[in-house]
Amino acid sequence: MKKHLILFLVGGIFSLMIAMGIGRFAYTPILPLMQKDLSFSDTVAGYLAE
């Protein structure tokens, strides 16, 4: 039972790492489009990236 819990925890951690990694790489190419369409300043875009 304890091994099952550890595997579940490790799977969740890896899932979060993958999702956050994809999100970071996807944000970069769409940032200029968002800034142009929504009139974001560099400061606002930086706050969104955090």
PDB file of N, CA and C in Angstrom:
ATOM      1  N   MET A   1       0.818  -1.192   0.000  1.00  0.00           N
ATOM      2  CA  MET A   1       0.000   0.000   0.000  1.00  0.00           C
ATOM      3  C   MET A   1       0.866   1.263   0.000  1.00  0.00           C
ATOM      4  N   LYS A   2       1.938   1.262   0.761  1.00  0.00           N
ATOM      5  CA  LYS A   2       2.793   2.443   0.835  1.00  0.00           C
ATOM      6  C   LYS A   2       3.505   2.695  -0.496  1.00  0.00           C
ATOM      7  N   LYS A   3       3.918   1.622  -1.180  1.00  0.00           N
ATOM      8  CA  LYS A   3       4.575   1.773  -2.478  1.00  0.00           C
ATOM      9  C   LYS A   3       3.604   2.387  -3.494  1.00  0.00           C
ATOM     10  N   HIS A   4       2.337   1.987  -3.413  1.00  0.00           N
ATOM     11  CA  HIS A   4       1.320   2.530  -4.312  1.00  0.00           C
ATOM     12  C   HIS A   4       1.161   4.043  -4.091  1.00  0.00           C
ATOM     13  N   LEU A   5       1.180   4.473  -2.846  1.00  0.00           N
ATOM     14  CA  LEU A   5       1.055   5.886  -2.516  1.00  0.00           C
ATOM     15  C   LEU A   5       2.245   6.685  -3.047  1.00  0.00           C
ATOM     16  N   ILE A   6       3.442   6.140  -2.907  1.00  0.00           N
ATOM     17  CA  ILE A   6       4.648   6.821  -3.389  1.00  0.00           C
ATOM     18  C   ILE A   6       4.621   6.937  -4.913  1.00  0.00           C
ATOM     19  N   LEU A   7       4.210   5.891  -5.604  1.00  0.00           N
ATOM     20  CA  LEU A   7       4.124   5.943  -7.067  1.00  0.00           C
ATOM     21  C   LEU A   7       3.079   6.973  -7.513  1.00  0.00           C
ATOM     22  N   PHE A   8       1.987   7.043  -6.789  1.00  0.00           N
ATOM     23  CA  PHE A   8       0.948   8.030  -7.091  1.00  0.00           C
ATOM     24  C   PHE A   8       1.489   9.448  -6.920  1.00  0.00           C
ATOM     25  N   LEU A   9       2.232   9.673  -5.856  1.00  0.00           N
ATOM     26  CA  LEU A   9       2.827  10.984  -5.585  1.00  0.00           C
ATOM     27  C   LEU A   9       3.853  11.354  -6.654  1.00  0.00           C
ATOM     28  N   VAL A  10       4.712  10.433  -7.013  1.00  0.00           N
ATOM     29  CA  VAL A  10       5.727  10.690  -8.040  1.00  0.00           C
ATOM     30  C   VAL A  10       5.062  10.966  -9.387  1.00  0.00           C
ATOM     31  N   GLY A  11       4.003  10.234  -9.705  1.00  0.00           N
ATOM     32  CA  GLY A  11       3.274  10.476 -10.955  1.00  0.00           C
ATOM     33  C   GLY A  11       2.664  11.871 -10.990  1.00  0.00           C
ATOM     34  N   GLY A  12       2.117  12.317  -9.859  1.00  0.00           N
ATOM     35  CA  GLY A  12       1.549  13.655  -9.785  1.00  0.00           C
ATOM     36  C   GLY A  12       2.607  14.735  -9.943  1.00  0.00           C
ATOM     37  N   ILE A  13       3.757  14.523  -9.329  1.00  0.00           N
ATOM     38  CA  ILE A  13       4.855  15.495  -9.442  1.00  0.00           C
ATOM     39  C   ILE A  13       5.325  15.601 -10.892  1.00  0.00           C
ATOM     40  N   PHE A  14       5.509  14.463 -11.554  1.00  0.00           N
ATOM     41  CA  PHE A  14       5.945  14.494 -12.949  1.00  0.00           C
ATOM     42  C   PHE A  14       4.894  15.130 -13.853  1.00  0.00           C
ATOM     43  N   SER A  15       3.627  14.895 -13.558  1.00  0.00           N
ATOM     44  CA  SER A  15       2.563  15.509 -14.356  1.00  0.00           C
ATOM     45  C   SER A  15       2.604  17.026 -14.238  1.00  0.00           C
ATOM     46  N   LEU A  16       2.805  17.531 -13.028  1.00  0.00           N
ATOM     47  CA  LEU A  16       2.907  18.975 -12.837  1.00  0.00           C
ATOM     48  C   LEU A  16       4.127  19.550 -13.540  1.00  0.00           C
ATOM     49  N   MET A  17       5.245  18.844 -13.473  1.00  0.00           N
ATOM     50  CA  MET A  17       6.458  19.317 -14.140  1.00  0.00           C
ATOM     51  C   MET A  17       6.251  19.418 -15.649  1.00  0.00           C
ATOM     52  N   ILE A  18       5.619  18.428 -16.213  1.00  0.00           N
ATOM     53  CA  ILE A  18       5.379  18.418 -17.660  1.00  0.00           C
ATOM     54  C   ILE A  18       4.421  19.535 -18.049  1.00  0.00           C
ATOM     55  N   ALA A  19       3.332  19.676 -17.307  1.00  0.00           N
ATOM     56  CA  ALA A  19       2.345  20.712 -17.632  1.00  0.00           C
ATOM     57  C   ALA A  19       2.937  22.104 -17.508  1.00  0.00           C
ATOM     58  N   MET A  20       3.728  22.342 -16.466  1.00  0.00           N
ATOM     59  CA  MET A  20       4.336  23.664 -16.298  1.00  0.00           C
ATOM     60  C   MET A  20       5.389  23.923 -17.371  1.00  0.00           C
ATOM     61  N   GLY A  21       6.119  22.903 -17.769  1.00  0.00           N
ATOM     62  CA  GLY A  21       7.116  23.057 -18.831  1.00  0.00           C
ATOM     63  C   GLY A  21       6.480  23.411 -20.159  1.00  0.00           C
ATOM     64  N   ILE A  22       5.403  22.719 -20.493  1.00  0.00           N
ATOM     65  CA  ILE A  22       4.695  23.017 -21.743  1.00  0.00           C
ATOM     66  C   ILE A  22       4.119  24.422 -21.696  1.00  0.00           C
ATOM     67  N   GLY A  23       3.563  24.795 -20.554  1.00  0.00           N
ATOM     68  CA  GLY A  23       2.994  26.131 -20.410  1.00  0.00           C
ATOM     69  C   GLY A  23       4.030  27.226 -20.599  1.00  0.00           C
ATOM     70  N   ARG A  24       5.219  27.014 -20.063  1.00  0.00           N
ATOM     71  CA  ARG A  24       6.270  28.027 -20.203  1.00  0.00           C
ATOM     72  C   ARG A  24       6.714  28.166 -21.661  1.00  0.00           C
ATOM     73  N   PHE A  25       6.863  27.042 -22.354  1.00  0.00           N
ATOM     74  CA  PHE A  25       7.310  27.112 -23.743  1.00  0.00           C
ATOM     75  C   PHE A  25       6.204  27.594 -24.669  1.00  0.00           C
ATOM     76  N   ALA A  26       4.948  27.378 -24.322  1.00  0.00           N
ATOM     77  CA  ALA A  26       3.841  27.841 -25.154  1.00  0.00           C
ATOM     78  C   ALA A  26       3.600  29.333 -24.957  1.00  0.00           C
ATOM     79  N   TYR A  27       3.920  29.855 -23.777  1.00  0.00           N
ATOM     80  CA  TYR A  27       3.672  31.266 -23.481  1.00  0.00           C
ATOM     81  C   TYR A  27       4.564  32.178 -24.313  1.00  0.00           C
ATOM     82  N   THR A  28       5.791  31.779 -24.535  1.00  0.00           N
ATOM     83  CA  THR A  28       6.758  32.629 -25.229  1.00  0.00           C
ATOM     84  C   THR A  28       6.327  33.002 -26.648  1.00  0.00           C
ATOM     85  N   PRO A  29       5.917  32.057 -27.495  1.00  0.00           N
ATOM     86  CA  PRO A  29       5.556  32.468 -28.859  1.00  0.00           C
ATOM     87  C   PRO A  29       4.241  33.243 -28.958  1.00  0.00           C
ATOM     88  N   ILE A  30       3.321  33.060 -27.995  1.00  0.00           N
ATOM     89  CA  ILE A  30       2.053  33.780 -28.106  1.00  0.00           C
ATOM     90  C   ILE A  30       2.077  35.135 -27.391  1.00  0.00           C
ATOM     91  N   LEU A  31       3.135  35.421 -26.658  1.00  0.00           N
ATOM     92  CA  LEU A  31       3.214  36.689 -25.923  1.00  0.00           C
ATOM     93  C   LEU A  31       3.117  37.916 -26.822  1.00  0.00           C
ATOM     94  N   PRO A  32       3.856  38.004 -27.922  1.00  0.00           N
ATOM     95  CA  PRO A  32       3.722  39.206 -28.774  1.00  0.00           C
ATOM     96  C   PRO A  32       2.311  39.391 -29.330  1.00  0.00           C
ATOM     97  N   LEU A  33       1.646  38.293 -29.646  1.00  0.00           N
ATOM     98  CA  LEU A  33       0.274  38.389 -30.148  1.00  0.00           C
ATOM     99  C   LEU A  33      -0.673  38.896 -29.065  1.00  0.00           C
ATOM    100  N   MET A  34      -0.485  38.402 -27.851  1.00  0.00           N
ATOM    101  CA  MET A  34      -1.313  38.857 -26.737  1.00  0.00           C
ATOM    102  C   MET A  34      -1.068  40.337 -26.461  1.00  0.00           C
ATOM    103  N   GLN A  35       0.184  40.747 -26.502  1.00  0.00           N
ATOM    104  CA  GLN A  35       0.503  42.149 -26.243  1.00  0.00           C
ATOM    105  C   GLN A  35      -0.124  43.063 -27.296  1.00  0.00           C
ATOM    106  N   LYS A  36      -0.098  42.637 -28.546  1.00  0.00           N
ATOM    107  CA  LYS A  36      -0.660  43.458 -29.616  1.00  0.00           C
ATOM    108  C   LYS A  36      -2.187  43.510 -29.530  1.00  0.00           C
ATOM    109  N   ASP A  37      -2.818  42.354 -29.364  1.00  0.00           N
ATOM    110  CA  ASP A  37      -4.285  42.298 -29.364  1.00  0.00           C
ATOM    111  C   ASP A  37      -4.904  42.887 -28.102  1.00  0.00           C
ATOM    112  N   LEU A  38      -4.273  42.693 -26.957  1.00  0.00           N
ATOM    113  CA  LEU A  38      -4.858  43.121 -25.690  1.00  0.00           C
ATOM    114  C   LEU A  38      -4.181  44.357 -25.110  1.00  0.00           C
ATOM    115  N   SER A  39      -3.241  44.918 -25.843  1.00  0.00           N
ATOM    116  CA  SER A  39      -2.503  46.116 -25.416  1.00  0.00           C
ATOM    117  C   SER A  39      -1.816  45.933 -24.065  1.00  0.00           C
ATOM    118  N   PHE A  40      -1.174  44.779 -23.905  1.00  0.00           N
ATOM    119  CA  PHE A  40      -0.405  44.522 -22.688  1.00  0.00           C
ATOM    120  C   PHE A  40       0.926  45.249 -22.764  1.00  0.00           C
ATOM    121  N   SER A  41       1.329  45.826 -21.664  1.00  0.00           N
ATOM    122  CA  SER A  41       2.679  46.382 -21.591  1.00  0.00           C
ATOM    123  C   SER A  41       3.639  45.253 -21.220  1.00  0.00           C
ATOM    124  N   ASP A  42       4.926  45.541 -21.278  1.00  0.00           N
ATOM    125  CA  ASP A  42       5.917  44.544 -20.881  1.00  0.00           C
ATOM    126  C   ASP A  42       5.769  44.195 -19.399  1.00  0.00           C
ATOM    127  N   THR A  43       5.379  45.156 -18.597  1.00  0.00           N
ATOM    128  CA  THR A  43       5.213  44.921 -17.162  1.00  0.00           C
ATOM    129  C   THR A  43       4.079  43.940 -16.903  1.00  0.00           C
ATOM    130  N   VAL A  44       2.952  44.137 -17.569  1.00  0.00           N
ATOM    131  CA  VAL A  44       1.804  43.241 -17.393  1.00  0.00           C
ATOM    132  C   VAL A  44       2.149  41.845 -17.889  1.00  0.00           C
ATOM    133  N   ALA A  45       2.837  41.749 -19.004  1.00  0.00           N
ATOM    134  CA  ALA A  45       3.235  40.445 -19.529  1.00  0.00           C
ATOM    135  C   ALA A  45       4.178  39.739 -18.552  1.00  0.00           C
ATOM    136  N   GLY A  46       5.041  40.496 -17.899  1.00  0.00           N
ATOM    137  CA  GLY A  46       5.930  39.912 -16.896  1.00  0.00           C
ATOM    138  C   GLY A  46       5.169  39.389 -15.700  1.00  0.00           C
ATOM    139  N   TYR A  47       4.144  40.125 -15.271  1.00  0.00           N
ATOM    140  CA  TYR A  47       3.318  39.652 -14.152  1.00  0.00           C
ATOM    141  C   TYR A  47       2.578  38.373 -14.522  1.00  0.00           C
ATOM    142  N   LEU A  48       2.129  38.272 -15.746  1.00  0.00           N
ATOM    143  CA  LEU A  48       1.437  37.055 -16.191  1.00  0.00           C
ATOM    144  C   LEU A  48       2.377  35.855 -16.230  1.00  0.00           C
ATOM    145  N   ALA A  49       3.632  36.096 -16.510  1.00  0.00           N
ATOM    146  CA  ALA A  49       4.606  35.006 -16.624  1.00  0.00           C
ATOM    147  C   ALA A  49       4.967  34.407 -15.278  1.00  0.00           C
ATOM    148  N   GLU A  50       4.715  35.142 -14.211  1.00  0.00           N
ATOM    149  CA  GLU A  50       5.083  34.637 -12.881  1.00  0.00           C
ATOM    150  C   GLU A  50       4.168  33.575 -12.414  1.00  0.00           C
TER     151      GLU A  50
END
